[in-house]
C-alpha cells in the first residue's frame, strides 16, 4: 500500500512510497484511510527538525490528524465496518507515570510517551491503518468532509478545559477572550469560545484572504494591529495564545484583565531573544492574581469533547477552514506554505 513517509532527522526525505500492510499488532480495528491534515509539526518533521521512527525502522509514516472508515472490527470492539473514525495520537508511557496511569497521558511526567506519526509510532498517512479500539473515536457521519479537524480541535478543547479549571479556583465569570493567531488552532479556539457565549476577538497579521471572513462568520471580531495595542484596549479575561511569537506572548501577559488567564498553545522557536521587563511582568501577575499556563496534546476526554463540538458546529464554516485538498500522489505540495492557506489536507483515497 502507499504511504507518506520520512526519515526523521533528514531534511528532503519526504516521499510517497510502498509500505507493508499494517499487522494486527498495530491494533484490532482495520481502517481505510480517507485523509490527514498537515500542520506545523508535520512540516518540522519533514524538515528534519523533529520526529523519531519506530524502533528498528528507518522511516516514519507521517500523519497525526487522521480520518478513516472502519473496514474490519472485532465483535465487542464498539466499532463496525463503515464507521467514520479518528485515531488518538498519543499513547501512555510503558511504566507508566502517575498521570498516564490515570488516563491523563497528555500530561505525561517522564516523557516516555509515544505518538502516532511523530514519536516512535507510524502515523495515519497511509491507504490503510490499524488502531486499538481504546484509541479510536467515532465521528458523526456528517463530519466526513471535515473530520481531519478533530485532532486540532482536541488541542483547544483541552486548552479551554484547563482555563476553566484554573478559573474555578475563585469566582469566575469571564466575558471577553482574545485569541492570538488565526491559523487552525486559533480559529478552532475562537469557535469554542463563541460556543461558550463569550465576546470573542481574534488577532492575526493578515488583512486579506479567508481568515478575517472566518472570524466574522463566528460573530467574533477580527484585529490586525500590534498585540500590545489590541490587548491593552480589550483587557481580555482569557487569552488563548496560538502564535508562539515571543513578543506576542509578552504583550498579552502585560495587558490582560485582573485575575486573567493566559493559555499558551503555540510553540515558540528557540534562539530568538527579546527584551522583557521581567520585574514588571512579575508584579502584574502577582498583584492581579493572573495565571499563565501551557497546554499541549489531548487525552480521550478531550477527543470526545471535540467530537461533540464539531458535530454541533456549522459544517459550511468548518469546510471553509480547509483551503486546499491535495492527493496523496502530490503530498509534497501540501508542505509548501501558500499565502491563503489555513488548513491543508492530504486525501488518501
C-alpha atoms as a PDB file:
ATOM      1  CA  UNK A   1       0.000   0.000   0.000  1.00  0.00           C
ATOM      2  CA  UNK A   2       1.043   3.636  -0.437  1.00  0.00           C
ATOM      3  CA  UNK A   3       2.018   5.932   2.414  1.00  0.00           C
ATOM      4  CA  UNK A   4       3.688   9.268   3.075  1.00  0.00           C
ATOM      5  CA  UNK A   5       6.957   8.656   4.915  1.00  0.00           C
ATOM      6  CA  UNK A   6      10.065  10.493   6.048  1.00  0.00           C
ATOM      7  CA  UNK A   7      13.473   9.698   7.521  1.00  0.00           C
ATOM      8  CA  UNK A   8      13.380  11.621  10.813  1.00  0.00           C
ATOM      9  CA  UNK A   9      16.315  13.970  11.177  1.00  0.00           C
ATOM     10  CA  UNK A  10      16.952  14.126   7.435  1.00  0.00           C
ATOM     11  CA  UNK A  11      15.571  17.102   5.506  1.00  0.00           C
ATOM     12  CA  UNK A  12      14.401  16.350   1.981  1.00  0.00           C
ATOM     13  CA  UNK A  13      13.499  12.717   2.723  1.00  0.00           C
ATOM     14  CA  UNK A  14       9.722  13.146   2.408  1.00  0.00           C
ATOM     15  CA  UNK A  15       8.289  10.723  -0.141  1.00  0.00           C
ATOM     16  CA  UNK A  16       5.250   8.688  -1.103  1.00  0.00           C
ATOM     17  CA  UNK A  17       6.134   5.013  -1.418  1.00  0.00           C
ATOM     18  CA  UNK A  18       5.080   1.459  -0.754  1.00  0.00           C
ATOM     19  CA  UNK A  19       4.987   0.188   2.827  1.00  0.00           C
ATOM     20  CA  UNK A  20       3.827  -3.166   4.263  1.00  0.00           C
ATOM     21  CA  UNK A  21       0.197  -3.652   5.224  1.00  0.00           C
ATOM     22  CA  UNK A  22      -0.317  -2.956   8.941  1.00  0.00           C
ATOM     23  CA  UNK A  23      -0.293  -6.075  11.094  1.00  0.00           C
ATOM     24  CA  UNK A  24      -2.700  -6.877  13.930  1.00  0.00           C
ATOM     25  CA  UNK A  25      -0.061  -5.836  16.480  1.00  0.00           C
ATOM     26  CA  UNK A  26      -0.860  -2.233  15.469  1.00  0.00           C
ATOM     27  CA  UNK A  27      -4.486  -2.623  16.554  1.00  0.00           C
ATOM     28  CA  UNK A  28      -7.545  -4.799  16.084  1.00  0.00           C
ATOM     29  CA  UNK A  29      -9.504  -2.218  14.067  1.00  0.00           C
ATOM     30  CA  UNK A  30      -8.537  -2.033  10.377  1.00  0.00           C
ATOM     31  CA  UNK A  31      -9.285   1.334   8.800  1.00  0.00           C
ATOM     32  CA  UNK A  32      -9.282   2.632   5.241  1.00  0.00           C
ATOM     33  CA  UNK A  33      -7.531   5.980   5.389  1.00  0.00           C
ATOM     34  CA  UNK A  34      -9.532   8.891   3.987  1.00  0.00           C
ATOM     35  CA  UNK A  35      -7.374  11.930   4.723  1.00  0.00           C
ATOM     36  CA  UNK A  36      -4.801  13.508   7.022  1.00  0.00           C
ATOM     37  CA  UNK A  37      -4.313  17.129   7.935  1.00  0.00           C
ATOM     38  CA  UNK A  38      -0.899  18.776   7.663  1.00  0.00           C
ATOM     39  CA  UNK A  39       0.284  21.016  10.496  1.00  0.00           C
ATOM     40  CA  UNK A  40       3.448  22.745  11.660  1.00  0.00           C
ATOM     41  CA  UNK A  41       4.674  19.630  13.465  1.00  0.00           C
ATOM     42  CA  UNK A  42       4.497  17.630  10.221  1.00  0.00           C
ATOM     43  CA  UNK A  43       6.496  20.318   8.439  1.00  0.00           C
ATOM     44  CA  UNK A  44       9.145  20.329  11.179  1.00  0.00           C
ATOM     45  CA  UNK A  45       9.499  16.554  10.875  1.00  0.00           C
ATOM     46  CA  UNK A  46       9.754  16.826   7.087  1.00  0.00           C
ATOM     47  CA  UNK A  47      12.450  19.486   7.551  1.00  0.00           C
ATOM     48  CA  UNK A  48      14.487  17.115   9.713  1.00  0.00           C
ATOM     49  CA  UNK A  49      13.969  19.133  12.898  1.00  0.00           C
ATOM     50  CA  UNK A  50      11.958  16.617  14.880  1.00  0.00           C
ATOM     51  CA  UNK A  51      10.485  13.110  14.952  1.00  0.00           C
ATOM     52  CA  UNK A  52      11.519   9.543  15.730  1.00  0.00           C
ATOM     53  CA  UNK A  53      10.998   6.423  13.608  1.00  0.00           C
ATOM     54  CA  UNK A  54       9.607   3.256  15.226  1.00  0.00           C
ATOM     55  CA  UNK A  55      12.302   1.128  16.927  1.00  0.00           C
ATOM     56  CA  UNK A  56      14.308  -0.744  14.307  1.00  0.00           C
ATOM     57  CA  UNK A  57      12.846   1.239  11.408  1.00  0.00           C
ATOM     58  CA  UNK A  58      14.493   3.847   9.215  1.00  0.00           C
ATOM     59  CA  UNK A  59      11.370   5.652   8.066  1.00  0.00           C
ATOM     60  CA  UNK A  60       8.326   7.044   9.860  1.00  0.00           C
ATOM     61  CA  UNK A  61       4.831   7.130   8.340  1.00  0.00           C
ATOM     62  CA  UNK A  62       3.646  10.696   8.867  1.00  0.00           C
ATOM     63  CA  UNK A  63       0.179  11.961   9.727  1.00  0.00           C
ATOM     64  CA  UNK A  64      -1.404  12.510  13.140  1.00  0.00           C
ATOM     65  CA  UNK A  65      -4.530  14.475  12.101  1.00  0.00           C
ATOM     66  CA  UNK A  66      -6.343  11.368  10.880  1.00  0.00           C
ATOM     67  CA  UNK A  67      -9.645  10.401   9.332  1.00  0.00           C
ATOM     68  CA  UNK A  68     -10.691   6.959   8.152  1.00  0.00           C
ATOM     69  CA  UNK A  69     -13.505   4.471   7.688  1.00  0.00           C
ATOM     70  CA  UNK A  70     -13.560   1.158   9.509  1.00  0.00           C
ATOM     71  CA  UNK A  71     -13.062  -1.828   7.223  1.00  0.00           C
ATOM     72  CA  UNK A  72     -12.846  -4.566   9.860  1.00  0.00           C
ATOM     73  CA  UNK A  73     -13.533  -4.561  13.595  1.00  0.00           C
ATOM     74  CA  UNK A  74     -13.816  -7.474  16.026  1.00  0.00           C
ATOM     75  CA  UNK A  75     -17.020  -8.239  17.892  1.00  0.00           C
ATOM     76  CA  UNK A  76     -17.213  -6.327  21.145  1.00  0.00           C
ATOM     77  CA  UNK A  77     -14.840  -3.598  19.983  1.00  0.00           C
ATOM     78  CA  UNK A  78     -17.572  -0.964  19.839  1.00  0.00           C
ATOM     79  CA  UNK A  79     -16.917  -0.368  16.133  1.00  0.00           C
ATOM     80  CA  UNK A  80     -18.420  -1.720  12.932  1.00  0.00           C
ATOM     81  CA  UNK A  81     -17.487  -1.584   9.249  1.00  0.00           C
ATOM     82  CA  UNK A  82     -18.431   1.784   7.786  1.00  0.00           C
ATOM     83  CA  UNK A  83     -17.888   3.798  10.980  1.00  0.00           C
ATOM     84  CA  UNK A  84     -16.109   7.115  10.494  1.00  0.00           C
ATOM     85  CA  UNK A  85     -13.189   7.221  12.944  1.00  0.00           C
ATOM     86  CA  UNK A  86     -10.165   9.188  14.053  1.00  0.00           C
ATOM     87  CA  UNK A  87      -7.140   7.667  15.767  1.00  0.00           C
ATOM     88  CA  UNK A  88      -5.856   9.126  19.027  1.00  0.00           C
ATOM     89  CA  UNK A  89      -2.293  10.404  18.654  1.00  0.00           C
ATOM     90  CA  UNK A  90      -0.568   9.759  21.977  1.00  0.00           C
ATOM     91  CA  UNK A  91      -0.039   6.526  23.906  1.00  0.00           C
ATOM     92  CA  UNK A  92       0.925   6.448  27.586  1.00  0.00           C
ATOM     93  CA  UNK A  93       4.458   5.628  28.619  1.00  0.00           C
ATOM     94  CA  UNK A  94       5.194   1.987  29.492  1.00  0.00           C
ATOM     95  CA  UNK A  95       5.982   2.478  33.185  1.00  0.00           C
ATOM     96  CA  UNK A  96       3.505   4.350  33.443  1.00  0.00           C
ATOM     97  CA  UNK A  97       3.938   7.657  35.261  1.00  0.00           C
ATOM     98  CA  UNK A  98       1.130   8.707  37.599  1.00  0.00           C
ATOM     99  CA  UNK A  99      -0.595  10.890  35.011  1.00  0.00           C
ATOM    100  CA  UNK A 100      -0.520   8.194  32.327  1.00  0.00           C
ATOM    101  CA  UNK A 101      -1.773   5.606  34.811  1.00  0.00           C
ATOM    102  CA  UNK A 102      -4.842   7.777  35.383  1.00  0.00           C
ATOM    103  CA  UNK A 103      -5.632   8.264  31.693  1.00  0.00           C
ATOM    104  CA  UNK A 104      -4.088  11.748  31.579  1.00  0.00           C
ATOM    105  CA  UNK A 105      -1.370  10.767  29.108  1.00  0.00           C
ATOM    106  CA  UNK A 106      -1.412  14.257  27.633  1.00  0.00           C
ATOM    107  CA  UNK A 107       0.223  15.327  30.916  1.00  0.00           C
ATOM    108  CA  UNK A 108       2.942  12.625  30.913  1.00  0.00           C
ATOM    109  CA  UNK A 109       5.559  13.376  33.571  1.00  0.00           C
ATOM    110  CA  UNK A 110       8.587  11.450  32.272  1.00  0.00           C
ATOM    111  CA  UNK A 111       8.390  11.988  28.501  1.00  0.00           C
ATOM    112  CA  UNK A 112       8.338   8.301  27.623  1.00  0.00           C
ATOM    113  CA  UNK A 113       5.003   8.515  25.793  1.00  0.00           C
ATOM    114  CA  UNK A 114       4.809   7.618  22.088  1.00  0.00           C
ATOM    115  CA  UNK A 115       2.822   9.376  19.361  1.00  0.00           C
ATOM    116  CA  UNK A 116       1.408   8.224  16.031  1.00  0.00           C
ATOM    117  CA  UNK A 117       3.201   9.916  13.167  1.00  0.00           C
ATOM    118  CA  UNK A 118       5.566  11.789  15.473  1.00  0.00           C
ATOM    119  CA  UNK A 119       7.385   9.720  18.064  1.00  0.00           C
ATOM    120  CA  UNK A 120       8.208   6.020  17.597  1.00  0.00           C
ATOM    121  CA  UNK A 121       4.831   5.003  16.131  1.00  0.00           C
ATOM    122  CA  UNK A 122       3.797   5.144  12.486  1.00  0.00           C
ATOM    123  CA  UNK A 123       1.125   7.678  11.699  1.00  0.00           C
ATOM    124  CA  UNK A 124      -2.054   7.644   9.650  1.00  0.00           C
ATOM    125  CA  UNK A 125      -0.903   8.958   6.235  1.00  0.00           C
ATOM    126  CA  UNK A 126      -1.376   5.582   4.552  1.00  0.00           C
ATOM    127  CA  UNK A 127      -4.073   3.935   2.495  1.00  0.00           C
ATOM    128  CA  UNK A 128      -4.861   1.624   5.405  1.00  0.00           C
ATOM    129  CA  UNK A 129      -4.021   1.754   9.092  1.00  0.00           C
ATOM    130  CA  UNK A 130      -4.838  -0.053  12.271  1.00  0.00           C
ATOM    131  CA  UNK A 131      -5.737   1.253  15.689  1.00  0.00           C
ATOM    132  CA  UNK A 132      -6.575  -0.181  19.105  1.00  0.00           C
ATOM    133  CA  UNK A 133     -10.313   0.099  19.917  1.00  0.00           C
ATOM    134  CA  UNK A 134      -9.497   2.102  23.057  1.00  0.00           C
ATOM    135  CA  UNK A 135      -7.668   4.707  20.945  1.00  0.00           C
ATOM    136  CA  UNK A 136     -10.247   5.234  18.215  1.00  0.00           C
ATOM    137  CA  UNK A 137     -13.016   7.843  18.304  1.00  0.00           C
ATOM    138  CA  UNK A 138     -16.186   7.587  16.250  1.00  0.00           C
ATOM    139  CA  UNK A 139     -17.388  10.688  14.406  1.00  0.00           C
ATOM    140  CA  UNK A 140     -20.802  11.795  13.225  1.00  0.00           C
ATOM    141  CA  UNK A 141     -21.001  10.628   9.562  1.00  0.00           C
ATOM    142  CA  UNK A 142     -21.878  14.205   8.528  1.00  0.00           C
ATOM    143  CA  UNK A 143     -18.329  15.232   9.501  1.00  0.00           C
ATOM    144  CA  UNK A 144     -16.630  13.212   6.763  1.00  0.00           C
ATOM    145  CA  UNK A 145     -15.631  16.310   4.709  1.00  0.00           C
ATOM    146  CA  UNK A 146     -14.047  17.985   7.764  1.00  0.00           C
ATOM    147  CA  UNK A 147     -13.149  15.110  10.085  1.00  0.00           C
ATOM    148  CA  UNK A 148      -9.413  15.835   9.904  1.00  0.00           C
ATOM    149  CA  UNK A 149     -10.160  18.889  12.060  1.00  0.00           C
ATOM    150  CA  UNK A 150     -10.907  16.686  15.057  1.00  0.00           C
ATOM    151  CA  UNK A 151      -7.316  16.358  16.297  1.00  0.00           C
ATOM    152  CA  UNK A 152      -6.578  20.119  16.312  1.00  0.00           C
ATOM    153  CA  UNK A 153      -9.965  20.652  17.959  1.00  0.00           C
ATOM    154  CA  UNK A 154      -8.895  18.318  20.784  1.00  0.00           C
ATOM    155  CA  UNK A 155      -5.948  20.623  21.457  1.00  0.00           C
ATOM    156  CA  UNK A 156      -8.211  23.621  22.015  1.00  0.00           C
ATOM    157  CA  UNK A 157     -10.809  21.550  23.871  1.00  0.00           C
ATOM    158  CA  UNK A 158      -8.100  20.743  26.386  1.00  0.00           C
ATOM    159  CA  UNK A 159      -6.952  24.375  26.487  1.00  0.00           C
ATOM    160  CA  UNK A 160     -10.464  25.579  27.295  1.00  0.00           C
ATOM    161  CA  UNK A 161     -10.893  22.844  29.919  1.00  0.00           C
ATOM    162  CA  UNK A 162      -7.647  23.901  31.603  1.00  0.00           C
ATOM    163  CA  UNK A 163      -8.647  27.579  31.551  1.00  0.00           C
ATOM    164  CA  UNK A 164     -11.961  26.785  33.188  1.00  0.00           C
ATOM    165  CA  UNK A 165     -10.368  24.565  35.815  1.00  0.00           C
ATOM    166  CA  UNK A 166      -7.946  27.329  36.741  1.00  0.00           C
ATOM    167  CA  UNK A 167     -10.722  29.911  36.760  1.00  0.00           C
ATOM    168  CA  UNK A 168     -12.702  27.770  39.200  1.00  0.00           C
ATOM    169  CA  UNK A 169     -10.157  28.484  41.950  1.00  0.00           C
ATOM    170  CA  UNK A 170     -12.374  31.508  42.688  1.00  0.00           C
ATOM    171  CA  UNK A 171     -15.471  33.219  41.323  1.00  0.00           C
ATOM    172  CA  UNK A 172     -15.021  33.204  37.563  1.00  0.00           C
ATOM    173  CA  UNK A 173     -17.373  34.743  35.041  1.00  0.00           C
ATOM    174  CA  UNK A 174     -15.282  35.697  32.003  1.00  0.00           C
ATOM    175  CA  UNK A 175     -16.787  37.859  29.298  1.00  0.00           C
ATOM    176  CA  UNK A 176     -14.062  38.614  26.772  1.00  0.00           C
ATOM    177  CA  UNK A 177     -11.495  36.313  25.162  1.00  0.00           C
ATOM    178  CA  UNK A 178      -8.630  37.260  22.888  1.00  0.00           C
ATOM    179  CA  UNK A 179      -7.245  34.572  20.576  1.00  0.00           C
ATOM    180  CA  UNK A 180      -3.865  35.416  19.092  1.00  0.00           C
ATOM    181  CA  UNK A 181      -3.296  33.723  15.749  1.00  0.00           C
ATOM    182  CA  UNK A 182      -5.937  32.823  13.150  1.00  0.00           C
ATOM    183  CA  UNK A 183      -4.469  29.540  11.997  1.00  0.00           C
ATOM    184  CA  UNK A 184      -6.415  26.306  12.565  1.00  0.00           C
ATOM    185  CA  UNK A 185      -5.753  26.242  16.331  1.00  0.00           C
ATOM    186  CA  UNK A 186      -6.700  29.893  16.756  1.00  0.00           C
ATOM    187  CA  UNK A 187      -9.850  29.621  14.668  1.00  0.00           C
ATOM    188  CA  UNK A 188     -10.973  26.481  16.471  1.00  0.00           C
ATOM    189  CA  UNK A 189     -10.242  28.134  19.826  1.00  0.00           C
ATOM    190  CA  UNK A 190     -12.435  31.021  18.702  1.00  0.00           C
ATOM    191  CA  UNK A 191     -15.156  28.557  17.680  1.00  0.00           C
ATOM    192  CA  UNK A 192     -15.167  27.023  21.148  1.00  0.00           C
ATOM    193  CA  UNK A 193     -15.149  30.480  22.727  1.00  0.00           C
ATOM    194  CA  UNK A 194     -18.155  31.544  20.672  1.00  0.00           C
ATOM    195  CA  UNK A 195     -19.843  28.280  21.632  1.00  0.00           C
ATOM    196  CA  UNK A 196     -19.485  29.403  25.259  1.00  0.00           C
ATOM    197  CA  UNK A 197     -21.259  32.686  24.543  1.00  0.00           C
ATOM    198  CA  UNK A 198     -18.158  34.836  25.085  1.00  0.00           C
ATOM    199  CA  UNK A 199     -17.204  38.068  23.359  1.00  0.00           C
ATOM    200  CA  UNK A 200     -14.513  36.646  21.073  1.00  0.00           C
ATOM    201  CA  UNK A 201     -11.691  38.653  19.482  1.00  0.00           C
ATOM    202  CA  UNK A 202      -9.064  37.191  17.144  1.00  0.00           C
ATOM    203  CA  UNK A 203      -5.741  38.803  16.293  1.00  0.00           C
ATOM    204  CA  UNK A 204      -3.648  37.984  13.232  1.00  0.00           C
ATOM    205  CA  UNK A 205      -1.295  39.889  10.922  1.00  0.00           C
ATOM    206  CA  UNK A 206      -3.107  39.382   7.619  1.00  0.00           C
ATOM    207  CA  UNK A 207      -5.768  41.730   6.305  1.00  0.00           C
ATOM    208  CA  UNK A 208      -6.864  39.700   3.277  1.00  0.00           C
ATOM    209  CA  UNK A 209      -7.626  36.081   2.483  1.00  0.00           C
ATOM    210  CA  UNK A 210     -10.039  33.733   4.270  1.00  0.00           C
ATOM    211  CA  UNK A 211      -9.099  34.421   7.899  1.00  0.00           C
ATOM    212  CA  UNK A 212     -10.964  37.706   8.550  1.00  0.00           C
ATOM    213  CA  UNK A 213     -14.144  36.299   6.995  1.00  0.00           C
ATOM    214  CA  UNK A 214     -13.939  33.087   9.012  1.00  0.00           C
ATOM    215  CA  UNK A 215     -13.655  35.097  12.221  1.00  0.00           C
ATOM    216  CA  UNK A 216     -16.533  37.413  11.310  1.00  0.00           C
ATOM    217  CA  UNK A 217     -18.731  34.433  10.425  1.00  0.00           C
ATOM    218  CA  UNK A 218     -18.390  33.241  14.042  1.00  0.00           C
ATOM    219  CA  UNK A 219     -19.795  36.548  15.270  1.00  0.00           C
ATOM    220  CA  UNK A 220     -16.313  37.404  16.538  1.00  0.00           C
ATOM    221  CA  UNK A 221     -14.174  40.498  15.908  1.00  0.00           C
ATOM    222  CA  UNK A 222     -11.006  40.409  13.814  1.00  0.00           C
ATOM    223  CA  UNK A 223      -7.950  42.560  14.614  1.00  0.00           C
ATOM    224  CA  UNK A 224      -4.628  43.014  12.825  1.00  0.00           C
ATOM    225  CA  UNK A 225      -2.962  45.779  14.882  1.00  0.00           C
ATOM    226  CA  UNK A 226       0.008  45.066  17.200  1.00  0.00           C
ATOM    227  CA  UNK A 227      -0.815  42.697  20.035  1.00  0.00           C
ATOM    228  CA  UNK A 228       0.140  45.250  22.678  1.00  0.00           C
ATOM    229  CA  UNK A 229      -2.429  47.733  21.340  1.00  0.00           C
ATOM    230  CA  UNK A 230      -5.240  45.225  20.924  1.00  0.00           C
ATOM    231  CA  UNK A 231      -4.755  43.579  24.316  1.00  0.00           C
ATOM    232  CA  UNK A 232      -4.417  46.928  26.121  1.00  0.00           C
ATOM    233  CA  UNK A 233      -7.677  48.109  24.567  1.00  0.00           C
ATOM    234  CA  UNK A 234      -9.616  44.894  25.212  1.00  0.00           C
ATOM    235  CA  UNK A 235      -8.211  43.864  28.615  1.00  0.00           C
ATOM    236  CA  UNK A 236      -9.331  40.264  27.952  1.00  0.00           C
ATOM    237  CA  UNK A 237     -10.327  37.949  30.775  1.00  0.00           C
ATOM    238  CA  UNK A 238      -8.913  34.998  28.821  1.00  0.00           C
ATOM    239  CA  UNK A 239      -6.181  34.818  26.208  1.00  0.00           C
ATOM    240  CA  UNK A 240      -5.636  31.730  24.070  1.00  0.00           C
ATOM    241  CA  UNK A 241      -2.192  32.292  22.556  1.00  0.00           C
ATOM    242  CA  UNK A 242      -1.681  30.301  19.346  1.00  0.00           C
ATOM    243  CA  UNK A 243       1.224  32.023  17.585  1.00  0.00           C
ATOM    244  CA  UNK A 244       4.235  31.075  19.706  1.00  0.00           C
ATOM    245  CA  UNK A 245       5.697  34.506  18.840  1.00  0.00           C
ATOM    246  CA  UNK A 246       7.720  35.712  21.824  1.00  0.00           C
ATOM    247  CA  UNK A 247       6.729  39.365  21.567  1.00  0.00           C
ATOM    248  CA  UNK A 248       3.038  38.498  21.294  1.00  0.00           C
ATOM    249  CA  UNK A 249       3.304  36.321  24.405  1.00  0.00           C
ATOM    250  CA  UNK A 250       4.898  39.137  26.386  1.00  0.00           C
ATOM    251  CA  UNK A 251       2.366  41.684  25.127  1.00  0.00           C
ATOM    252  CA  UNK A 252      -0.664  39.666  26.197  1.00  0.00           C
ATOM    253  CA  UNK A 253       0.870  38.836  29.575  1.00  0.00           C
ATOM    254  CA  UNK A 254       1.226  42.567  30.228  1.00  0.00           C
ATOM    255  CA  UNK A 255      -2.225  43.604  29.032  1.00  0.00           C
ATOM    256  CA  UNK A 256      -4.943  41.305  30.286  1.00  0.00           C
ATOM    257  CA  UNK A 257      -7.663  41.827  32.886  1.00  0.00           C
ATOM    258  CA  UNK A 258      -7.161  41.344  36.601  1.00  0.00           C
ATOM    259  CA  UNK A 259      -7.489  37.651  37.513  1.00  0.00           C
ATOM    260  CA  UNK A 260      -6.821  36.986  33.846  1.00  0.00           C
ATOM    261  CA  UNK A 261      -5.762  33.643  32.427  1.00  0.00           C
ATOM    262  CA  UNK A 262      -3.334  33.284  29.531  1.00  0.00           C
ATOM    263  CA  UNK A 263      -3.169  29.822  27.973  1.00  0.00           C
ATOM    264  CA  UNK A 264      -0.149  29.242  25.740  1.00  0.00           C
ATOM    265  CA  UNK A 265      -0.705  26.720  22.950  1.00  0.00           C
ATOM    266  CA  UNK A 266       1.797  27.986  20.377  1.00  0.00           C
ATOM    267  CA  UNK A 267       5.306  26.510  20.490  1.00  0.00           C
ATOM    268  CA  UNK A 268       7.988  29.193  20.284  1.00  0.00           C
ATOM    269  CA  UNK A 269      11.139  28.794  18.232  1.00  0.00           C
ATOM    270  CA  UNK A 270      14.286  28.699  20.357  1.00  0.00           C
ATOM    271  CA  UNK A 271      17.123  31.175  19.974  1.00  0.00           C
ATOM    272  CA  UNK A 272      15.054  34.297  19.324  1.00  0.00           C
ATOM    273  CA  UNK A 273      15.723  36.718  22.143  1.00  0.00           C
ATOM    274  CA  UNK A 274      13.618  39.764  23.070  1.00  0.00           C
ATOM    275  CA  UNK A 275      13.983  42.304  25.863  1.00  0.00           C
ATOM    276  CA  UNK A 276      11.485  41.799  28.683  1.00  0.00           C
ATOM    277  CA  UNK A 277      10.931  43.792  31.870  1.00  0.00           C
ATOM    278  CA  UNK A 278      10.634  40.674  33.996  1.00  0.00           C
ATOM    279  CA  UNK A 279      10.034  42.683  37.146  1.00  0.00           C
ATOM    280  CA  UNK A 280       7.044  44.500  35.672  1.00  0.00           C
ATOM    281  CA  UNK A 281       5.560  41.269  34.320  1.00  0.00           C
ATOM    282  CA  UNK A 282       6.029  39.535  37.655  1.00  0.00           C
ATOM    283  CA  UNK A 283       4.496  42.484  39.521  1.00  0.00           C
ATOM    284  CA  UNK A 284       1.394  42.413  37.350  1.00  0.00           C
ATOM    285  CA  UNK A 285       0.985  38.641  37.604  1.00  0.00           C
ATOM    286  CA  UNK A 286       1.190  38.757  41.389  1.00  0.00           C
ATOM    287  CA  UNK A 287      -0.835  41.872  42.121  1.00  0.00           C
ATOM    288  CA  UNK A 288      -3.638  40.915  39.726  1.00  0.00           C
ATOM    289  CA  UNK A 289      -3.767  37.190  40.562  1.00  0.00           C
ATOM    290  CA  UNK A 290      -3.074  36.394  36.921  1.00  0.00           C
ATOM    291  CA  UNK A 291      -2.269  32.891  35.694  1.00  0.00           C
ATOM    292  CA  UNK A 292      -0.178  31.651  32.783  1.00  0.00           C
ATOM    293  CA  UNK A 293      -0.495  28.011  31.720  1.00  0.00           C
ATOM    294  CA  UNK A 294       0.876  25.920  28.884  1.00  0.00           C
ATOM    295  CA  UNK A 295      -1.278  23.320  27.167  1.00  0.00           C
ATOM    296  CA  UNK A 296      -0.420  20.694  24.554  1.00  0.00           C
ATOM    297  CA  UNK A 297      -1.832  17.422  23.239  1.00  0.00           C
ATOM    298  CA  UNK A 298      -5.087  15.830  24.454  1.00  0.00           C
ATOM    299  CA  UNK A 299      -6.484  12.729  26.109  1.00  0.00           C
ATOM    300  CA  UNK A 300      -9.581  10.675  25.346  1.00  0.00           C
ATOM    301  CA  UNK A 301     -11.853  13.038  27.258  1.00  0.00           C
ATOM    302  CA  UNK A 302     -10.787  15.913  25.010  1.00  0.00           C
ATOM    303  CA  UNK A 303     -11.346  13.843  21.868  1.00  0.00           C
ATOM    304  CA  UNK A 304     -14.932  13.260  22.934  1.00  0.00           C
ATOM    305  CA  UNK A 305     -15.405  16.945  23.763  1.00  0.00           C
ATOM    306  CA  UNK A 306     -14.009  17.888  20.365  1.00  0.00           C
ATOM    307  CA  UNK A 307     -16.217  15.389  18.523  1.00  0.00           C
ATOM    308  CA  UNK A 308     -19.279  16.880  20.214  1.00  0.00           C
ATOM    309  CA  UNK A 309     -18.179  20.437  19.399  1.00  0.00           C
ATOM    310  CA  UNK A 310     -17.643  19.673  15.709  1.00  0.00           C
ATOM    311  CA  UNK A 311     -20.957  17.837  15.448  1.00  0.00           C
ATOM    312  CA  UNK A 312     -22.722  20.968  16.726  1.00  0.00           C
ATOM    313  CA  UNK A 313     -20.739  23.427  14.563  1.00  0.00           C
ATOM    314  CA  UNK A 314     -21.693  24.928  11.220  1.00  0.00           C
ATOM    315  CA  UNK A 315     -20.334  22.392   8.722  1.00  0.00           C
ATOM    316  CA  UNK A 316     -20.079  25.000   5.986  1.00  0.00           C
ATOM    317  CA  UNK A 317     -17.846  27.127   8.252  1.00  0.00           C
ATOM    318  CA  UNK A 318     -15.661  24.137   9.086  1.00  0.00           C
ATOM    319  CA  UNK A 319     -15.353  23.293   5.405  1.00  0.00           C
ATOM    320  CA  UNK A 320     -14.137  26.842   4.686  1.00  0.00           C
ATOM    321  CA  UNK A 321     -11.222  26.221   7.042  1.00  0.00           C
ATOM    322  CA  UNK A 322      -9.876  23.545   4.701  1.00  0.00           C
ATOM    323  CA  UNK A 323      -8.416  25.728   1.995  1.00  0.00           C
ATOM    324  CA  UNK A 324      -6.577  23.033  -0.011  1.00  0.00           C
ATOM    325  CA  UNK A 325      -7.011  19.302  -0.570  1.00  0.00           C
ATOM    326  CA  UNK A 326      -4.016  17.547  -2.118  1.00  0.00           C
ATOM    327  CA  UNK A 327      -3.969  13.921  -3.352  1.00  0.00           C
ATOM    328  CA  UNK A 328      -1.501  11.509  -1.776  1.00  0.00           C
ATOM    329  CA  UNK A 329       0.417  11.280  -5.046  1.00  0.00           C
ATOM    330  CA  UNK A 330       1.224  15.009  -4.763  1.00  0.00           C
ATOM    331  CA  UNK A 331       1.523  15.126  -0.976  1.00  0.00           C
ATOM    332  CA  UNK A 332       4.743  17.173  -1.057  1.00  0.00           C
ATOM    333  CA  UNK A 333       2.675  20.111  -2.355  1.00  0.00           C
ATOM    334  CA  UNK A 334       0.807  20.170   0.962  1.00  0.00           C
ATOM    335  CA  UNK A 335       4.079  21.056   2.719  1.00  0.00           C
ATOM    336  CA  UNK A 336       4.601  24.198   0.637  1.00  0.00           C
ATOM    337  CA  UNK A 337       3.003  27.053   2.553  1.00  0.00           C
ATOM    338  CA  UNK A 338       0.847  29.396   0.478  1.00  0.00           C
ATOM    339  CA  UNK A 339      -0.343  32.842   1.453  1.00  0.00           C
ATOM    340  CA  UNK A 340      -4.022  31.926   1.781  1.00  0.00           C
ATOM    341  CA  UNK A 341      -3.547  28.553   3.472  1.00  0.00           C
ATOM    342  CA  UNK A 342      -5.496  27.861   6.632  1.00  0.00           C
ATOM    343  CA  UNK A 343      -5.697  24.065   6.797  1.00  0.00           C
ATOM    344  CA  UNK A 344      -4.279  21.821   4.083  1.00  0.00           C
ATOM    345  CA  UNK A 345      -5.404  18.185   3.845  1.00  0.00           C
ATOM    346  CA  UNK A 346      -3.882  15.215   2.044  1.00  0.00           C
ATOM    347  CA  UNK A 347      -6.553  12.887   0.640  1.00  0.00           C
ATOM    348  CA  UNK A 348      -5.677   9.184   0.778  1.00  0.00           C
ATOM    349  CA  UNK A 349      -8.358   7.599  -1.380  1.00  0.00           C
END
